[in-house]
Amino acid sequence: MNLALWIITGLLAAAYLLGGAFKVITPKEKIIAAGPSARWAEDFGAGGIKTIGALEVLAAVGLVLPAVLDTAPVLVPLAALGLALMMTGAAIVRIRRRETALLVVDLVYLVLAAFVVWGRLGPESFTG
């Protein structure tokens, strides 16, 4: 179970680090032009997109660094909870935009983040 949690946490951290950095450094217009999966950016201002990206980068760091450094490892499930909340918001945006095909991806990320929260607060907590 611990290995599965580490693998999922690492994959989530990599995905959110890359995706968040992309949102922080890329202008809104280029994000929208990236394809149909990025059309959500039309609903947000440039500052909002940068904020979402910065939160994703911080969450990615929070998923891994506290456990690796053995400093406040309780931050790992809290970072995962933050990502689960962000993906809930992303799913709501997809539903409002009627992008149901893309909603599946958001729900997968939501479930994976929720699994990390459950696993690290429950059976495989770092404090046990």
C-alpha atoms as a PDB file:
ATOM      1  CA  MET A   1       0.000   0.000   0.000  1.00  0.00           C
ATOM      2  CA  ASN A   2       2.822   2.390   0.883  1.00  0.00           C
ATOM      3  CA  LEU A   3       4.468   1.734  -2.492  1.00  0.00           C
ATOM      4  CA  ALA A   4       1.199   2.368  -4.350  1.00  0.00           C
ATOM      5  CA  LEU A   5       0.738   5.634  -2.459  1.00  0.00           C
ATOM      6  CA  TRP A   6       4.292   6.729  -3.301  1.00  0.00           C
ATOM      7  CA  ILE A   7       3.832   5.889  -6.994  1.00  0.00           C
ATOM      8  CA  ILE A   8       0.525   7.745  -7.227  1.00  0.00           C
ATOM      9  CA  THR A   9       1.912  10.667  -5.241  1.00  0.00           C
ATOM     10  CA  GLY A  10       4.952  10.884  -7.506  1.00  0.00           C
ATOM     11  CA  LEU A  11       2.840  10.781 -10.658  1.00  0.00           C
ATOM     12  CA  LEU A  12       0.487  13.430  -9.305  1.00  0.00           C
ATOM     13  CA  ALA A  13       3.413  15.609  -8.257  1.00  0.00           C
ATOM     14  CA  ALA A  14       5.022  15.367 -11.698  1.00  0.00           C
ATOM     15  CA  ALA A  15       1.757  16.097 -13.521  1.00  0.00           C
ATOM     16  CA  TYR A  16       0.886  19.091 -11.367  1.00  0.00           C
ATOM     17  CA  LEU A  17       4.433  20.461 -11.369  1.00  0.00           C
ATOM     18  CA  LEU A  18       4.549  20.420 -15.160  1.00  0.00           C
ATOM     19  CA  GLY A  19       0.966  21.596 -15.645  1.00  0.00           C
ATOM     20  CA  GLY A  20       1.271  24.305 -13.016  1.00  0.00           C
ATOM     21  CA  ALA A  21       4.572  25.595 -14.379  1.00  0.00           C
ATOM     22  CA  PHE A  22       3.028  25.699 -17.859  1.00  0.00           C
ATOM     23  CA  LYS A  23       0.159  27.840 -16.537  1.00  0.00           C
ATOM     24  CA  VAL A  24       2.535  30.169 -14.689  1.00  0.00           C
ATOM     25  CA  ILE A  25       4.909  30.849 -17.592  1.00  0.00           C
ATOM     26  CA  THR A  26       2.568  30.663 -20.603  1.00  0.00           C
ATOM     27  CA  PRO A  27       0.339  33.568 -21.656  1.00  0.00           C
ATOM     28  CA  LYS A  28      -3.409  32.949 -21.490  1.00  0.00           C
ATOM     29  CA  GLU A  29      -3.824  33.116 -25.267  1.00  0.00           C
ATOM     30  CA  LYS A  30      -1.248  30.366 -25.838  1.00  0.00           C
ATOM     31  CA  ILE A  31      -2.875  28.186 -23.177  1.00  0.00           C
ATOM     32  CA  ILE A  32      -6.245  28.505 -24.915  1.00  0.00           C
ATOM     33  CA  ALA A  33      -4.595  27.749 -28.270  1.00  0.00           C
ATOM     34  CA  ALA A  34      -3.048  24.569 -26.843  1.00  0.00           C
ATOM     35  CA  GLY A  35      -6.164  22.591 -27.713  1.00  0.00           C
ATOM     36  CA  PRO A  36      -9.702  21.688 -26.710  1.00  0.00           C
ATOM     37  CA  SER A  37      -8.681  20.543 -23.232  1.00  0.00           C
ATOM     38  CA  ALA A  38      -7.428  24.057 -22.438  1.00  0.00           C
ATOM     39  CA  ARG A  39     -10.535  25.976 -23.470  1.00  0.00           C
ATOM     40  CA  TRP A  40     -11.464  26.297 -19.781  1.00  0.00           C
ATOM     41  CA  ALA A  41      -8.945  29.152 -19.631  1.00  0.00           C
ATOM     42  CA  GLU A  42     -11.412  31.302 -21.579  1.00  0.00           C
ATOM     43  CA  ASP A  43     -13.460  31.540 -18.367  1.00  0.00           C
ATOM     44  CA  PHE A  44     -10.585  32.954 -16.275  1.00  0.00           C
ATOM     45  CA  GLY A  45      -8.431  36.056 -16.288  1.00  0.00           C
ATOM     46  CA  ALA A  46      -4.684  35.853 -16.813  1.00  0.00           C
ATOM     47  CA  GLY A  47      -4.069  36.397 -13.088  1.00  0.00           C
ATOM     48  CA  GLY A  48      -6.499  33.642 -12.166  1.00  0.00           C
ATOM     49  CA  ILE A  49      -4.742  31.187 -14.469  1.00  0.00           C
ATOM     50  CA  LYS A  50      -1.350  32.122 -13.005  1.00  0.00           C
ATOM     51  CA  THR A  51      -2.767  31.645  -9.496  1.00  0.00           C
ATOM     52  CA  ILE A  52      -4.120  28.207 -10.384  1.00  0.00           C
ATOM     53  CA  GLY A  53      -0.711  27.296 -11.804  1.00  0.00           C
ATOM     54  CA  ALA A  54       1.141  28.544  -8.723  1.00  0.00           C
ATOM     55  CA  LEU A  55      -1.184  26.556  -6.439  1.00  0.00           C
ATOM     56  CA  GLU A  56      -0.578  23.443  -8.533  1.00  0.00           C
ATOM     57  CA  VAL A  57       3.210  23.895  -8.276  1.00  0.00           C
ATOM     58  CA  LEU A  58       2.980  24.402  -4.505  1.00  0.00           C
ATOM     59  CA  ALA A  59       0.768  21.335  -4.135  1.00  0.00           C
ATOM     60  CA  ALA A  60       3.213  19.263  -6.206  1.00  0.00           C
ATOM     61  CA  VAL A  61       6.036  20.263  -3.876  1.00  0.00           C
ATOM     62  CA  GLY A  62       3.804  19.619  -0.856  1.00  0.00           C
ATOM     63  CA  LEU A  63       3.029  16.105  -2.055  1.00  0.00           C
ATOM     64  CA  VAL A  64       6.651  15.005  -1.928  1.00  0.00           C
ATOM     65  CA  LEU A  65       9.011  17.301  -0.051  1.00  0.00           C
ATOM     66  CA  PRO A  66       7.613  17.035   3.515  1.00  0.00           C
ATOM     67  CA  ALA A  67       7.736  13.226   3.443  1.00  0.00           C
ATOM     68  CA  VAL A  68      11.160  13.057   1.815  1.00  0.00           C
ATOM     69  CA  LEU A  69      12.625  15.504   4.340  1.00  0.00           C
ATOM     70  CA  ASP A  70      10.611  13.929   7.194  1.00  0.00           C
ATOM     71  CA  THR A  71       9.532  17.423   8.198  1.00  0.00           C
ATOM     72  CA  ALA A  72       5.801  17.867   8.871  1.00  0.00           C
ATOM     73  CA  PRO A  73       4.728  14.884   6.747  1.00  0.00           C
ATOM     74  CA  VAL A  74       1.102  15.698   7.607  1.00  0.00           C
ATOM     75  CA  LEU A  75       1.417  18.296   4.838  1.00  0.00           C
ATOM     76  CA  VAL A  76       1.348  15.498   2.231  1.00  0.00           C
ATOM     77  CA  PRO A  77      -2.337  14.579   2.707  1.00  0.00           C
ATOM     78  CA  LEU A  78      -3.173  18.264   3.106  1.00  0.00           C
ATOM     79  CA  ALA A  79      -1.569  19.014  -0.269  1.00  0.00           C
ATOM     80  CA  ALA A  80      -3.488  16.101  -1.764  1.00  0.00           C
ATOM     81  CA  LEU A  81      -6.693  17.450  -0.211  1.00  0.00           C
ATOM     82  CA  GLY A  82      -5.997  20.829  -1.796  1.00  0.00           C
ATOM     83  CA  LEU A  83      -5.590  19.138  -5.178  1.00  0.00           C
ATOM     84  CA  ALA A  84      -8.809  17.182  -4.671  1.00  0.00           C
ATOM     85  CA  LEU A  85     -10.610  20.451  -3.993  1.00  0.00           C
ATOM     86  CA  MET A  86      -9.033  22.041  -7.071  1.00  0.00           C
ATOM     87  CA  MET A  87     -10.131  19.105  -9.210  1.00  0.00           C
ATOM     88  CA  THR A  88     -13.635  19.398  -7.804  1.00  0.00           C
ATOM     89  CA  GLY A  89     -13.620  22.986  -9.036  1.00  0.00           C
ATOM     90  CA  ALA A  90     -12.201  21.864 -12.379  1.00  0.00           C
ATOM     91  CA  ALA A  91     -14.985  19.299 -12.715  1.00  0.00           C
ATOM     92  CA  ILE A  92     -17.578  21.977 -11.995  1.00  0.00           C
ATOM     93  CA  VAL A  93     -16.076  24.178 -14.724  1.00  0.00           C
ATOM     94  CA  ARG A  94     -16.176  21.248 -17.160  1.00  0.00           C
ATOM     95  CA  ILE A  95     -19.822  20.546 -16.321  1.00  0.00           C
ATOM     96  CA  ARG A  96     -20.759  24.205 -16.788  1.00  0.00           C
ATOM     97  CA  ARG A  97     -18.959  24.248 -20.139  1.00  0.00           C
ATOM     98  CA  ARG A  98     -20.587  20.919 -21.114  1.00  0.00           C
ATOM     99  CA  GLU A  99     -17.168  19.336 -21.711  1.00  0.00           C
ATOM    100  CA  THR A 100     -18.218  15.908 -20.481  1.00  0.00           C
ATOM    101  CA  ALA A 101     -15.569  13.971 -22.413  1.00  0.00           C
ATOM    102  CA  LEU A 102     -12.827  15.956 -20.665  1.00  0.00           C
ATOM    103  CA  LEU A 103     -14.570  15.663 -17.294  1.00  0.00           C
ATOM    104  CA  VAL A 104     -13.372  12.058 -16.997  1.00  0.00           C
ATOM    105  CA  VAL A 105      -9.732  13.143 -16.747  1.00  0.00           C
ATOM    106  CA  ASP A 106     -10.522  15.620 -13.981  1.00  0.00           C
ATOM    107  CA  LEU A 107     -12.413  12.935 -12.064  1.00  0.00           C
ATOM    108  CA  VAL A 108      -9.468  10.522 -12.365  1.00  0.00           C
ATOM    109  CA  TYR A 109      -7.139  13.144 -10.859  1.00  0.00           C
ATOM    110  CA  LEU A 110      -9.729  13.800  -8.146  1.00  0.00           C
ATOM    111  CA  VAL A 111      -9.942  10.107  -7.236  1.00  0.00           C
ATOM    112  CA  LEU A 112      -6.150   9.716  -7.190  1.00  0.00           C
ATOM    113  CA  ALA A 113      -5.721  12.749  -4.924  1.00  0.00           C
ATOM    114  CA  ALA A 114      -8.504  11.488  -2.635  1.00  0.00           C
ATOM    115  CA  PHE A 115      -6.760   8.093  -2.464  1.00  0.00           C
ATOM    116  CA  VAL A 116      -3.563   9.797  -1.270  1.00  0.00           C
ATOM    117  CA  VAL A 117      -5.522  11.754   1.351  1.00  0.00           C
ATOM    118  CA  TRP A 118      -7.217   8.584   2.591  1.00  0.00           C
ATOM    119  CA  GLY A 119      -4.032   6.515   2.549  1.00  0.00           C
ATOM    120  CA  ARG A 120      -1.809   9.063   4.268  1.00  0.00           C
ATOM    121  CA  LEU A 121      -4.332  10.012   6.929  1.00  0.00           C
ATOM    122  CA  GLY A 122      -5.363   6.412   7.486  1.00  0.00           C
ATOM    123  CA  PRO A 123      -3.655   3.077   6.952  1.00  0.00           C
ATOM    124  CA  GLU A 124      -0.288   4.355   5.708  1.00  0.00           C
ATOM    125  CA  SER A 125       0.165   7.589   7.605  1.00  0.00           C
ATOM    126  CA  PHE A 126       3.717   8.789   8.090  1.00  0.00           C
ATOM    127  CA  THR A 127       3.162   9.252  11.818  1.00  0.00           C
ATOM    128  CA  GLY A 128       2.213   5.606  12.497  1.00  0.00           C
END
